[in-house]
Protein backbone atom coordinates (compact mmCIF):
# COMPACT_ATOMS: atom_id res chain seq x y z
CA MET A 1 0.00 0.00 0.00
CA ALA A 2 1.28 3.45 -0.91
CA GLU A 3 2.19 5.77 1.93
CA ARG A 4 -0.75 7.95 2.88
CA LYS A 5 1.17 11.04 3.84
CA ALA A 6 1.09 14.69 2.74
CA THR A 7 2.69 18.03 3.58
CA ILE A 8 1.00 21.37 3.03
CA THR A 9 2.65 24.79 3.24
CA ARG A 10 0.53 27.92 3.38
CA LYS A 11 1.76 31.50 3.59
CA THR A 12 -0.50 34.54 3.67
CA LYS A 13 -0.29 38.01 5.15
CA GLU A 14 -2.02 36.57 8.21
CA THR A 15 -0.37 33.18 8.77
CA GLN A 16 2.54 30.91 7.92
CA ILE A 17 1.86 27.20 8.29
CA GLU A 18 3.61 23.94 7.53
CA LEU A 19 1.59 20.82 8.27
CA THR A 20 2.34 17.15 7.67
CA ILE A 21 -0.02 14.23 8.24
CA ASN A 22 0.56 10.50 8.03
CA LEU A 23 -2.79 8.74 8.07
CA ASP A 24 -1.15 5.41 8.92
CA GLY A 25 0.77 6.62 11.93
CA THR A 26 0.66 5.87 15.64
CA GLY A 27 -0.89 9.09 16.93
CA ALA A 28 2.32 11.06 17.39
CA ALA A 29 1.92 14.83 17.41
CA GLU A 30 4.34 17.74 17.25
CA VAL A 31 2.15 20.82 17.27
CA GLU A 32 3.05 24.47 17.77
CA THR A 33 0.43 26.98 16.66
CA GLY A 34 0.94 29.65 19.31
CA ILE A 35 -2.56 28.83 20.62
CA GLY A 36 -2.27 26.54 23.60
CA PHE A 37 -5.82 25.21 23.56
CA LEU A 38 -5.73 24.53 19.81
CA ASP A 39 -2.46 22.62 20.28
CA HIS A 40 -4.19 20.56 22.97
CA MET A 41 -7.11 19.73 20.63
CA LEU A 42 -4.80 18.84 17.73
CA ASP A 43 -2.86 16.51 20.03
CA HIS A 44 -6.13 14.71 20.75
CA LEU A 45 -7.03 14.64 17.06
CA ALA A 46 -3.74 12.93 16.19
CA LYS A 47 -3.69 10.57 19.19
CA HIS A 48 -7.21 9.25 18.82
CA SER A 49 -7.25 9.01 15.02
CA LEU A 50 -3.88 7.19 14.96
CA SER A 51 -2.54 9.78 12.55
CA ASP A 52 0.89 11.34 12.96
CA LEU A 53 0.58 15.11 12.82
CA SER A 54 3.18 17.85 12.65
CA VAL A 55 2.09 21.49 12.67
CA ARG A 56 4.24 24.61 12.76
CA ALA A 57 2.15 27.75 12.60
CA SER A 58 2.65 31.42 13.25
CA GLY A 59 -0.10 33.95 12.80
CA ASP A 60 -1.45 37.35 13.70
CA LEU A 61 -2.35 36.39 17.25
CA GLN A 62 -2.14 40.05 18.21
CA VAL A 63 -5.46 40.36 16.33
CA ASP A 64 -7.02 37.14 17.66
CA ASP A 65 -6.82 33.37 17.20
CA HIS A 66 -9.27 33.22 14.30
CA HIS A 67 -6.94 33.35 11.28
CA THR A 68 -4.49 30.83 12.72
CA ALA A 69 -7.17 28.33 13.74
CA GLU A 70 -8.96 28.71 10.40
CA ASP A 71 -5.81 28.31 8.31
CA VAL A 72 -4.59 25.30 10.28
CA ALA A 73 -7.95 23.66 9.56
CA ILE A 74 -7.61 24.50 5.86
CA CYS A 75 -4.12 22.98 5.73
CA LEU A 76 -5.26 19.89 7.61
CA GLY A 77 -8.14 19.38 5.18
CA GLU A 78 -5.87 19.80 2.16
CA ALA A 79 -3.33 17.37 3.63
CA MET A 80 -6.03 14.79 4.33
CA THR A 81 -7.32 15.10 0.76
CA GLN A 82 -3.84 14.53 -0.67
CA ALA A 83 -3.04 11.68 1.70
CA LEU A 84 -6.32 9.87 0.98
CA GLY A 85 -5.72 9.99 -2.77
CA ASP A 86 -8.50 8.24 -4.70
CA LYS A 87 -9.79 6.71 -1.42
CA ALA A 88 -9.66 3.18 -2.83
CA GLY A 89 -10.39 0.59 -0.19
CA ILE A 90 -11.23 2.93 2.68
CA ALA A 91 -14.18 2.39 5.00
CA ARG A 92 -15.39 5.92 4.08
CA TYR A 93 -17.83 6.27 7.00
CA GLY A 94 -17.07 6.61 10.68
CA SER A 95 -18.99 7.44 13.83
CA ALA A 96 -18.01 7.78 17.46
CA SER A 97 -19.70 8.57 20.73
CA VAL A 98 -17.24 9.89 23.28
CA PRO A 99 -17.94 10.70 26.93
CA MET A 100 -15.85 13.30 28.71
CA GLU A 101 -16.96 13.28 32.33
CA GLU A 102 -20.41 15.00 32.30
CA THR A 103 -20.31 15.61 28.53
CA LEU A 104 -21.20 13.36 25.62
CA ALA A 105 -20.21 14.11 22.00
CA ASN A 106 -21.44 12.19 18.97
CA VAL A 107 -19.62 12.73 15.68
CA SER A 108 -20.20 11.06 12.32
CA VAL A 109 -18.14 11.59 9.16
CA ASP A 110 -18.36 10.62 5.51
CA LEU A 111 -15.23 11.06 3.39
CA SER A 112 -17.47 11.60 0.39
CA GLY A 113 -15.64 14.40 -1.39
CA ARG A 114 -18.58 16.70 -0.62
CA ALA A 115 -18.55 19.20 2.22
CA ALA A 116 -21.44 19.41 4.67
CA VAL A 117 -21.57 20.24 8.35
CA VAL A 118 -24.35 19.83 10.88
CA TYR A 119 -23.25 21.28 14.20
CA ASN A 120 -25.32 21.04 17.35
CA ALA A 121 -23.16 22.00 20.30
CA ARG A 122 -23.43 24.80 22.80
CA PHE A 123 -20.92 26.39 25.11
CA GLY A 124 -21.75 28.16 28.34
CA GLY A 125 -19.14 30.86 27.83
CA ASP A 126 -17.34 32.72 25.06
CA LYS A 127 -13.84 31.61 26.04
CA ILE A 128 -11.90 28.57 27.21
CA GLY A 129 -8.90 30.33 28.69
CA THR A 130 -8.10 32.77 25.90
CA PHE A 131 -9.58 30.55 23.15
CA ASP A 132 -12.87 31.63 21.54
CA THR A 133 -15.35 28.77 21.85
CA GLN A 134 -16.91 29.68 18.48
CA LEU A 135 -13.62 28.64 16.85
CA VAL A 136 -14.45 24.98 17.51
CA GLU A 137 -17.28 25.17 14.99
CA GLU A 138 -15.22 27.35 12.64
CA PHE A 139 -12.37 24.82 12.69
CA ILE A 140 -14.71 21.94 11.86
CA ARG A 141 -16.42 23.86 9.05
CA ARG A 142 -13.10 24.79 7.42
CA LEU A 143 -11.77 21.26 7.83
CA ALA A 144 -14.89 19.76 6.24
CA ALA A 145 -14.82 22.25 3.38
CA THR A 146 -11.23 21.55 2.40
CA ALA A 147 -11.23 17.82 3.13
CA GLY A 148 -14.51 17.40 1.25
CA MET A 149 -16.32 15.51 3.96
CA ASN A 150 -19.59 15.43 5.83
CA VAL A 151 -19.26 16.09 9.55
CA HIS A 152 -22.20 15.83 11.93
CA VAL A 153 -21.54 16.97 15.50
CA ASN A 154 -24.13 16.50 18.21
CA VAL A 155 -23.53 17.22 21.88
CA PRO A 156 -26.78 16.35 23.69
CA TYR A 157 -25.43 17.46 27.06
CA GLY A 158 -22.37 18.92 28.71
CA VAL A 159 -21.63 21.61 31.28
CA ASN A 160 -17.87 22.24 31.32
CA ASP A 161 -16.81 24.04 28.13
CA HIS A 162 -13.36 22.44 28.11
CA HIS A 163 -14.99 19.01 28.30
CA VAL A 164 -17.41 19.86 25.48
CA ALA A 165 -14.61 20.93 23.12
CA GLU A 166 -12.37 18.02 24.07
CA ALA A 167 -15.17 15.47 23.62
CA ILE A 168 -15.92 16.90 20.17
CA PHE A 169 -12.30 16.63 19.02
CA LYS A 170 -11.88 13.14 20.47
CA ALA A 171 -15.09 11.95 18.82
CA LEU A 172 -14.05 13.53 15.53
CA ALA A 173 -10.70 11.74 15.80
CA GLN A 174 -12.31 8.38 16.51
CA ALA A 175 -14.75 8.83 13.63
CA LEU A 176 -11.90 9.72 11.26
CA ARG A 177 -9.92 6.70 12.46
CA ARG A 178 -12.76 4.44 11.36
CA ALA A 179 -13.48 6.26 8.10
CA LYS A 180 -9.86 6.39 6.86
CA GLN A 181 -9.00 2.80 7.67
CA ILE A 182 -8.49 0.34 4.84
CA ASP A 183 -11.29 -2.23 4.73
CA PRO A 184 -9.84 -5.51 3.37
CA ALA A 185 -13.33 -6.68 2.39
CA ARG A 186 -13.50 -3.92 -0.23
CA GLY A 187 -10.66 -5.43 -2.22
CA GLY A 188 -9.19 -2.03 -3.00
CA GLU A 189 -12.35 -0.68 -4.60
CA VAL A 190 -13.55 2.88 -4.13
CA PRO A 191 -16.51 2.78 -1.71
CA SER A 192 -19.08 4.36 -4.00
CA THR A 193 -21.58 3.09 -6.57
CA LYS A 194 -20.25 5.85 -8.84
CA GLY A 195 -16.79 4.30 -8.76
CA ALA A 196 -15.17 7.55 -7.60
CA LEU A 197 -15.24 9.88 -4.63
């Protein structure tokens, strides 16, 4: 099987990012975005999806975290698209239900090549530390758009905002782990009646 790995470099007036993903890794992460909470979430994303992830990002954090978080998501989506290639043999779909103390997050993904997001999660406050809670949804929307995938996020209950965000990222990671895995029963075929994704 060919190596499912990709590196993306993005440079704008707002951010500079180099990101590498290996979809067949062990969950190793080396992440430095300048945003502590985002680093924490990306560590979870790598660890629980069994993808190796390296991110080096610098951005206009003197403005706020938005551009950096958004552009990291864009780079991650582009890297996933490249690493997945024609998606031959993958499971394509993945779902996970992850508890985080008093919180439960349910995430389902379809690596369909089409972007769609349904997001049902609420936070009690505007910030987790210095991180804007609305950037969790923004990150997922940008990731889905550039990776060309459906992402459905449902958090039926949760009180602690840190737990809500962490449960979402862990559930997303587990769902991606299932969706990206090679299914031997498919015999290397693309999982679509159209023959392409």
